[in-house]
C-alpha atoms as a PDB file:
ATOM      1  CA  MET A   1      74.960-171.618  48.606  1.00  0.00           C
ATOM      2  CA  ALA A   2      76.874-168.817  50.366  1.00  0.00           C
ATOM      3  CA  GLY A   3      76.881-165.071  49.630  1.00  0.00           C
ATOM      4  CA  ALA A   4      75.507-161.688  50.416  1.00  0.00           C
ATOM      5  CA  PRO A   5      71.813-161.373  50.749  1.00  0.00           C
ATOM      6  CA  GLY A   6      70.356-160.447  47.210  1.00  0.00           C
ATOM      7  CA  LYS A   7      73.050-162.490  45.657  1.00  0.00           C
ATOM      8  CA  GLN A   8      73.716-166.133  45.066  1.00  0.00           C
ATOM      9  CA  THR A   9      77.236-167.501  44.506  1.00  0.00           C
ATOM     10  CA  GLU A  10      77.539-170.282  41.945  1.00  0.00           C
ATOM     11  CA  PRO A  11      79.732-173.169  42.774  1.00  0.00           C
ATOM     12  CA  SER A  12      82.370-171.753  40.357  1.00  0.00           C
ATOM     13  CA  GLY A  13      82.333-168.470  42.515  1.00  0.00           C
ATOM     14  CA  ALA A  14      80.531-166.355  39.990  1.00  0.00           C
ATOM     15  CA  GLU A  15      77.742-164.288  41.382  1.00  0.00           C
ATOM     16  CA  ARG A  16      74.081-164.346  40.134  1.00  0.00           C
ATOM     17  CA  ARG A  17      71.834-161.511  41.236  1.00  0.00           C
ATOM     18  CA  VAL A  18      68.603-162.535  42.654  1.00  0.00           C
ATOM     19  CA  HIS A  19      66.855-159.137  41.861  1.00  0.00           C
ATOM     20  CA  PRO A  20      67.395-157.361  38.472  1.00  0.00           C
ATOM     21  CA  ARG A  21      68.896-153.801  38.875  1.00  0.00           C
ATOM     22  CA  ILE A  22      67.347-150.897  37.138  1.00  0.00           C
ATOM     23  CA  PRO A  23      69.800-148.024  36.520  1.00  0.00           C
ATOM     24  CA  VAL A  24      68.362-144.686  37.721  1.00  0.00           C
ATOM     25  CA  GLU A  25      69.715-141.153  37.853  1.00  0.00           C
ATOM     26  CA  GLY A  26      68.345-139.692  40.994  1.00  0.00           C
ATOM     27  CA  THR A  27      69.048-138.695  44.589  1.00  0.00           C
ATOM     28  CA  VAL A  28      68.623-140.480  47.763  1.00  0.00           C
ATOM     29  CA  ARG A  29      68.463-139.121  51.309  1.00  0.00           C
ATOM     30  CA  TYR A  30      69.948-141.411  54.015  1.00  0.00           C
ATOM     31  CA  ARG A  31      70.598-141.374  57.725  1.00  0.00           C
ATOM     32  CA  LEU A  32      72.960-143.887  59.372  1.00  0.00           C
ATOM     33  CA  MET A  33      71.304-145.775  62.273  1.00  0.00           C
ATOM     34  CA  ARG A  34      73.665-147.108  64.938  1.00  0.00           C
ATOM     35  CA  GLY A  35      72.808-148.560  68.244  1.00  0.00           C
ATOM     36  CA  GLY A  36      69.204-147.961  67.861  1.00  0.00           C
ATOM     37  CA  GLN A  37      69.869-144.279  67.427  1.00  0.00           C
ATOM     38  CA  SER A  38      69.347-142.160  64.182  1.00  0.00           C
ATOM     39  CA  GLY A  39      72.447-140.328  62.917  1.00  0.00           C
ATOM     40  CA  LEU A  40      72.501-136.677  63.555  1.00  0.00           C
ATOM     41  CA  ARG A  41      72.991-135.760  59.914  1.00  0.00           C
ATOM     42  CA  GLN A  42      70.962-136.620  56.917  1.00  0.00           C
ATOM     43  CA  GLU A  43      73.013-137.007  53.793  1.00  0.00           C
ATOM     44  CA  THR A  44      71.921-136.477  50.342  1.00  0.00           C
ATOM     45  CA  SER A  45      73.587-138.632  47.654  1.00  0.00           C
ATOM     46  CA  ARG A  46      73.446-140.259  44.287  1.00  0.00           C
ATOM     47  CA  LEU A  47      71.196-143.213  43.548  1.00  0.00           C
ATOM     48  CA  HIS A  48      72.719-145.530  41.012  1.00  0.00           C
ATOM     49  CA  ASN A  49      70.088-148.425  40.702  1.00  0.00           C
ATOM     50  CA  VAL A  50      67.019-149.786  42.255  1.00  0.00           C
ATOM     51  CA  SER A  51      65.559-153.280  42.592  1.00  0.00           C
ATOM     52  CA  THR A  52      62.765-154.974  44.445  1.00  0.00           C
ATOM     53  CA  GLY A  53      65.461-156.147  46.923  1.00  0.00           C
ATOM     54  CA  GLY A  54      67.393-152.981  47.549  1.00  0.00           C
ATOM     55  CA  VAL A  55      69.403-150.029  46.104  1.00  0.00           C
ATOM     56  CA  CYS A  56      72.963-149.008  45.184  1.00  0.00           C
ATOM     57  CA  LEU A  57      74.031-145.444  46.169  1.00  0.00           C
ATOM     58  CA  SER A  58      76.977-143.316  46.654  1.00  0.00           C
ATOM     59  CA  GLY A  59      77.875-142.806  50.329  1.00  0.00           C
ATOM     60  CA  ALA A  60      80.171-141.381  52.945  1.00  0.00           C
ATOM     61  CA  ALA A  61      83.341-143.152  54.049  1.00  0.00           C
ATOM     62  CA  GLY A  62      82.873-145.313  57.192  1.00  0.00           C
ATOM     63  CA  ILE A  63      79.725-146.903  56.246  1.00  0.00           C
ATOM     64  CA  ARG A  64      80.186-150.637  56.321  1.00  0.00           C
ATOM     65  CA  PRO A  65      78.372-154.052  55.892  1.00  0.00           C
ATOM     66  CA  GLY A  66      75.826-154.555  58.573  1.00  0.00           C
ATOM     67  CA  ASP A  67      74.969-150.884  59.127  1.00  0.00           C
ATOM     68  CA  ILE A  68      71.328-149.836  58.862  1.00  0.00           C
ATOM     69  CA  LEU A  69      70.338-146.870  56.934  1.00  0.00           C
ATOM     70  CA  ARG A  70      67.065-144.924  56.857  1.00  0.00           C
ATOM     71  CA  ILE A  71      66.743-144.173  53.132  1.00  0.00           C
ATOM     72  CA  GLU A  72      64.209-142.119  51.035  1.00  0.00           C
ATOM     73  CA  PHE A  73      64.176-141.657  47.391  1.00  0.00           C
ATOM     74  CA  THR A  74      61.676-140.944  44.618  1.00  0.00           C
ATOM     75  CA  LEU A  75      61.462-143.310  41.571  1.00  0.00           C
ATOM     76  CA  PRO A  76      61.720-141.516  38.157  1.00  0.00           C
ATOM     77  CA  ASP A  77      58.028-142.281  37.302  1.00  0.00           C
ATOM     78  CA  GLY A  78      56.771-142.350  40.919  1.00  0.00           C
ATOM     79  CA  ASP A  79      54.356-140.128  42.543  1.00  0.00           C
ATOM     80  CA  GLY A  80      55.830-140.076  46.003  1.00  0.00           C
ATOM     81  CA  PRO A  81      58.929-140.925  48.088  1.00  0.00           C
ATOM     82  CA  VAL A  82      59.871-144.362  49.002  1.00  0.00           C
ATOM     83  CA  SER A  83      61.071-144.629  52.550  1.00  0.00           C
ATOM     84  CA  ALA A  84      62.759-147.834  53.965  1.00  0.00           C
ATOM     85  CA  LEU A  85      65.197-149.199  56.304  1.00  0.00           C
ATOM     86  CA  ALA A  86      67.985-150.870  54.493  1.00  0.00           C
ATOM     87  CA  GLU A  87      70.989-152.928  55.677  1.00  0.00           C
ATOM     88  CA  VAL A  88      74.366-152.290  53.966  1.00  0.00           C
ATOM     89  CA  THR A  89      75.496-155.567  52.260  1.00  0.00           C
ATOM     90  CA  TRP A  90      78.587-154.160  50.725  1.00  0.00           C
ATOM     91  CA  ALA A  91      80.473-150.956  50.654  1.00  0.00           C
ATOM     92  CA  GLY A  92      83.560-150.083  48.708  1.00  0.00           C
ATOM     93  CA  PRO A  93      85.340-147.471  46.608  1.00  0.00           C
ATOM     94  CA  SER A  94      84.462-146.770  43.037  1.00  0.00           C
ATOM     95  CA  GLY A  95      86.501-144.173  41.320  1.00  0.00           C
ATOM     96  CA  SER A  96      86.453-140.935  43.375  1.00  0.00           C
ATOM     97  CA  GLU A  97      83.397-142.054  45.435  1.00  0.00           C
ATOM     98  CA  ALA A  98      82.198-144.898  47.700  1.00  0.00           C
ATOM     99  CA  LYS A  99      79.384-147.113  46.594  1.00  0.00           C
ATOM    100  CA  ILE A 100      77.031-148.907  48.831  1.00  0.00           C
ATOM    101  CA  GLY A 101      74.827-151.768  48.311  1.00  0.00           C
ATOM    102  CA  ALA A 102      71.848-152.080  50.720  1.00  0.00           C
ATOM    103  CA  ARG A 103      68.791-154.392  50.881  1.00  0.00           C
ATOM    104  CA  TYR A 104      65.439-153.348  52.259  1.00  0.00           C
ATOM    105  CA  VAL A 105      64.704-154.679  55.744  1.00  0.00           C
ATOM    106  CA  ALA A 106      61.555-152.689  56.336  1.00  0.00           C
ATOM    107  CA  ILE A 107      59.507-151.029  53.687  1.00  0.00           C
ATOM    108  CA  ARG A 108      55.864-150.252  53.611  1.00  0.00           C
ATOM    109  CA  GLU A 109      53.699-152.637  51.466  1.00  0.00           C
ATOM    110  CA  ASP A 110      52.401-149.858  49.154  1.00  0.00           C
ATOM    111  CA  GLN A 111      55.892-148.529  48.701  1.00  0.00           C
ATOM    112  CA  ALA A 112      57.309-151.989  47.953  1.00  0.00           C
ATOM    113  CA  ARG A 113      54.504-152.465  45.441  1.00  0.00           C
ATOM    114  CA  SER A 114      55.511-149.063  43.727  1.00  0.00           C
ATOM    115  CA  VAL A 115      59.101-150.394  43.483  1.00  0.00           C
ATOM    116  CA  THR A 116      58.005-153.607  42.014  1.00  0.00           C
ATOM    117  CA  GLU A 117      55.775-151.905  39.464  1.00  0.00           C
ATOM    118  CA  PHE A 118      58.597-149.611  38.499  1.00  0.00           C
ATOM    119  CA  VAL A 119      61.073-152.457  38.049  1.00  0.00           C
ATOM    120  CA  SER A 120      58.494-154.513  36.077  1.00  0.00           C
ATOM    121  CA  LYS A 121      57.682-151.747  33.601  1.00  0.00           C
ATOM    122  CA  LYS A 122      61.413-151.165  32.992  1.00  0.00           C
ATOM    123  CA  LEU A 123      62.107-154.728  32.446  1.00  0.00           C
ATOM    124  CA  ALA A 124      59.198-155.103  30.049  1.00  0.00           C
ATOM    125  CA  SER A 125      60.240-152.116  28.029  1.00  0.00           C
ATOM    126  CA  ASN A 126      63.830-153.567  27.421  1.00  0.00           C
END
């Protein structure tokens, strides 16, 4: 089956997410990485959802699929920041802002565990 990482495309063309998304209201700091160099500016933006595979955030124009972001965010019930490298899998307009979907490509094991525990708790409470 073809499709973006984190998604599977059904034969009918309908997408089926591999990782459940948990809506969050928070902020994320990100820096665009290009050519092995970190972007000069760190941006702060809105975090829309979190999963064990990646995040959805608002972002600046010009970010495109394949770009690598260094991201940092705090889970609503977490005790410390989660830092990761994430590859942009999709980017597009959404109302007055751009939304970006990104999958983790490098995340520390303890931080990945924190994300997994957060997602599991939220899924169990619904």
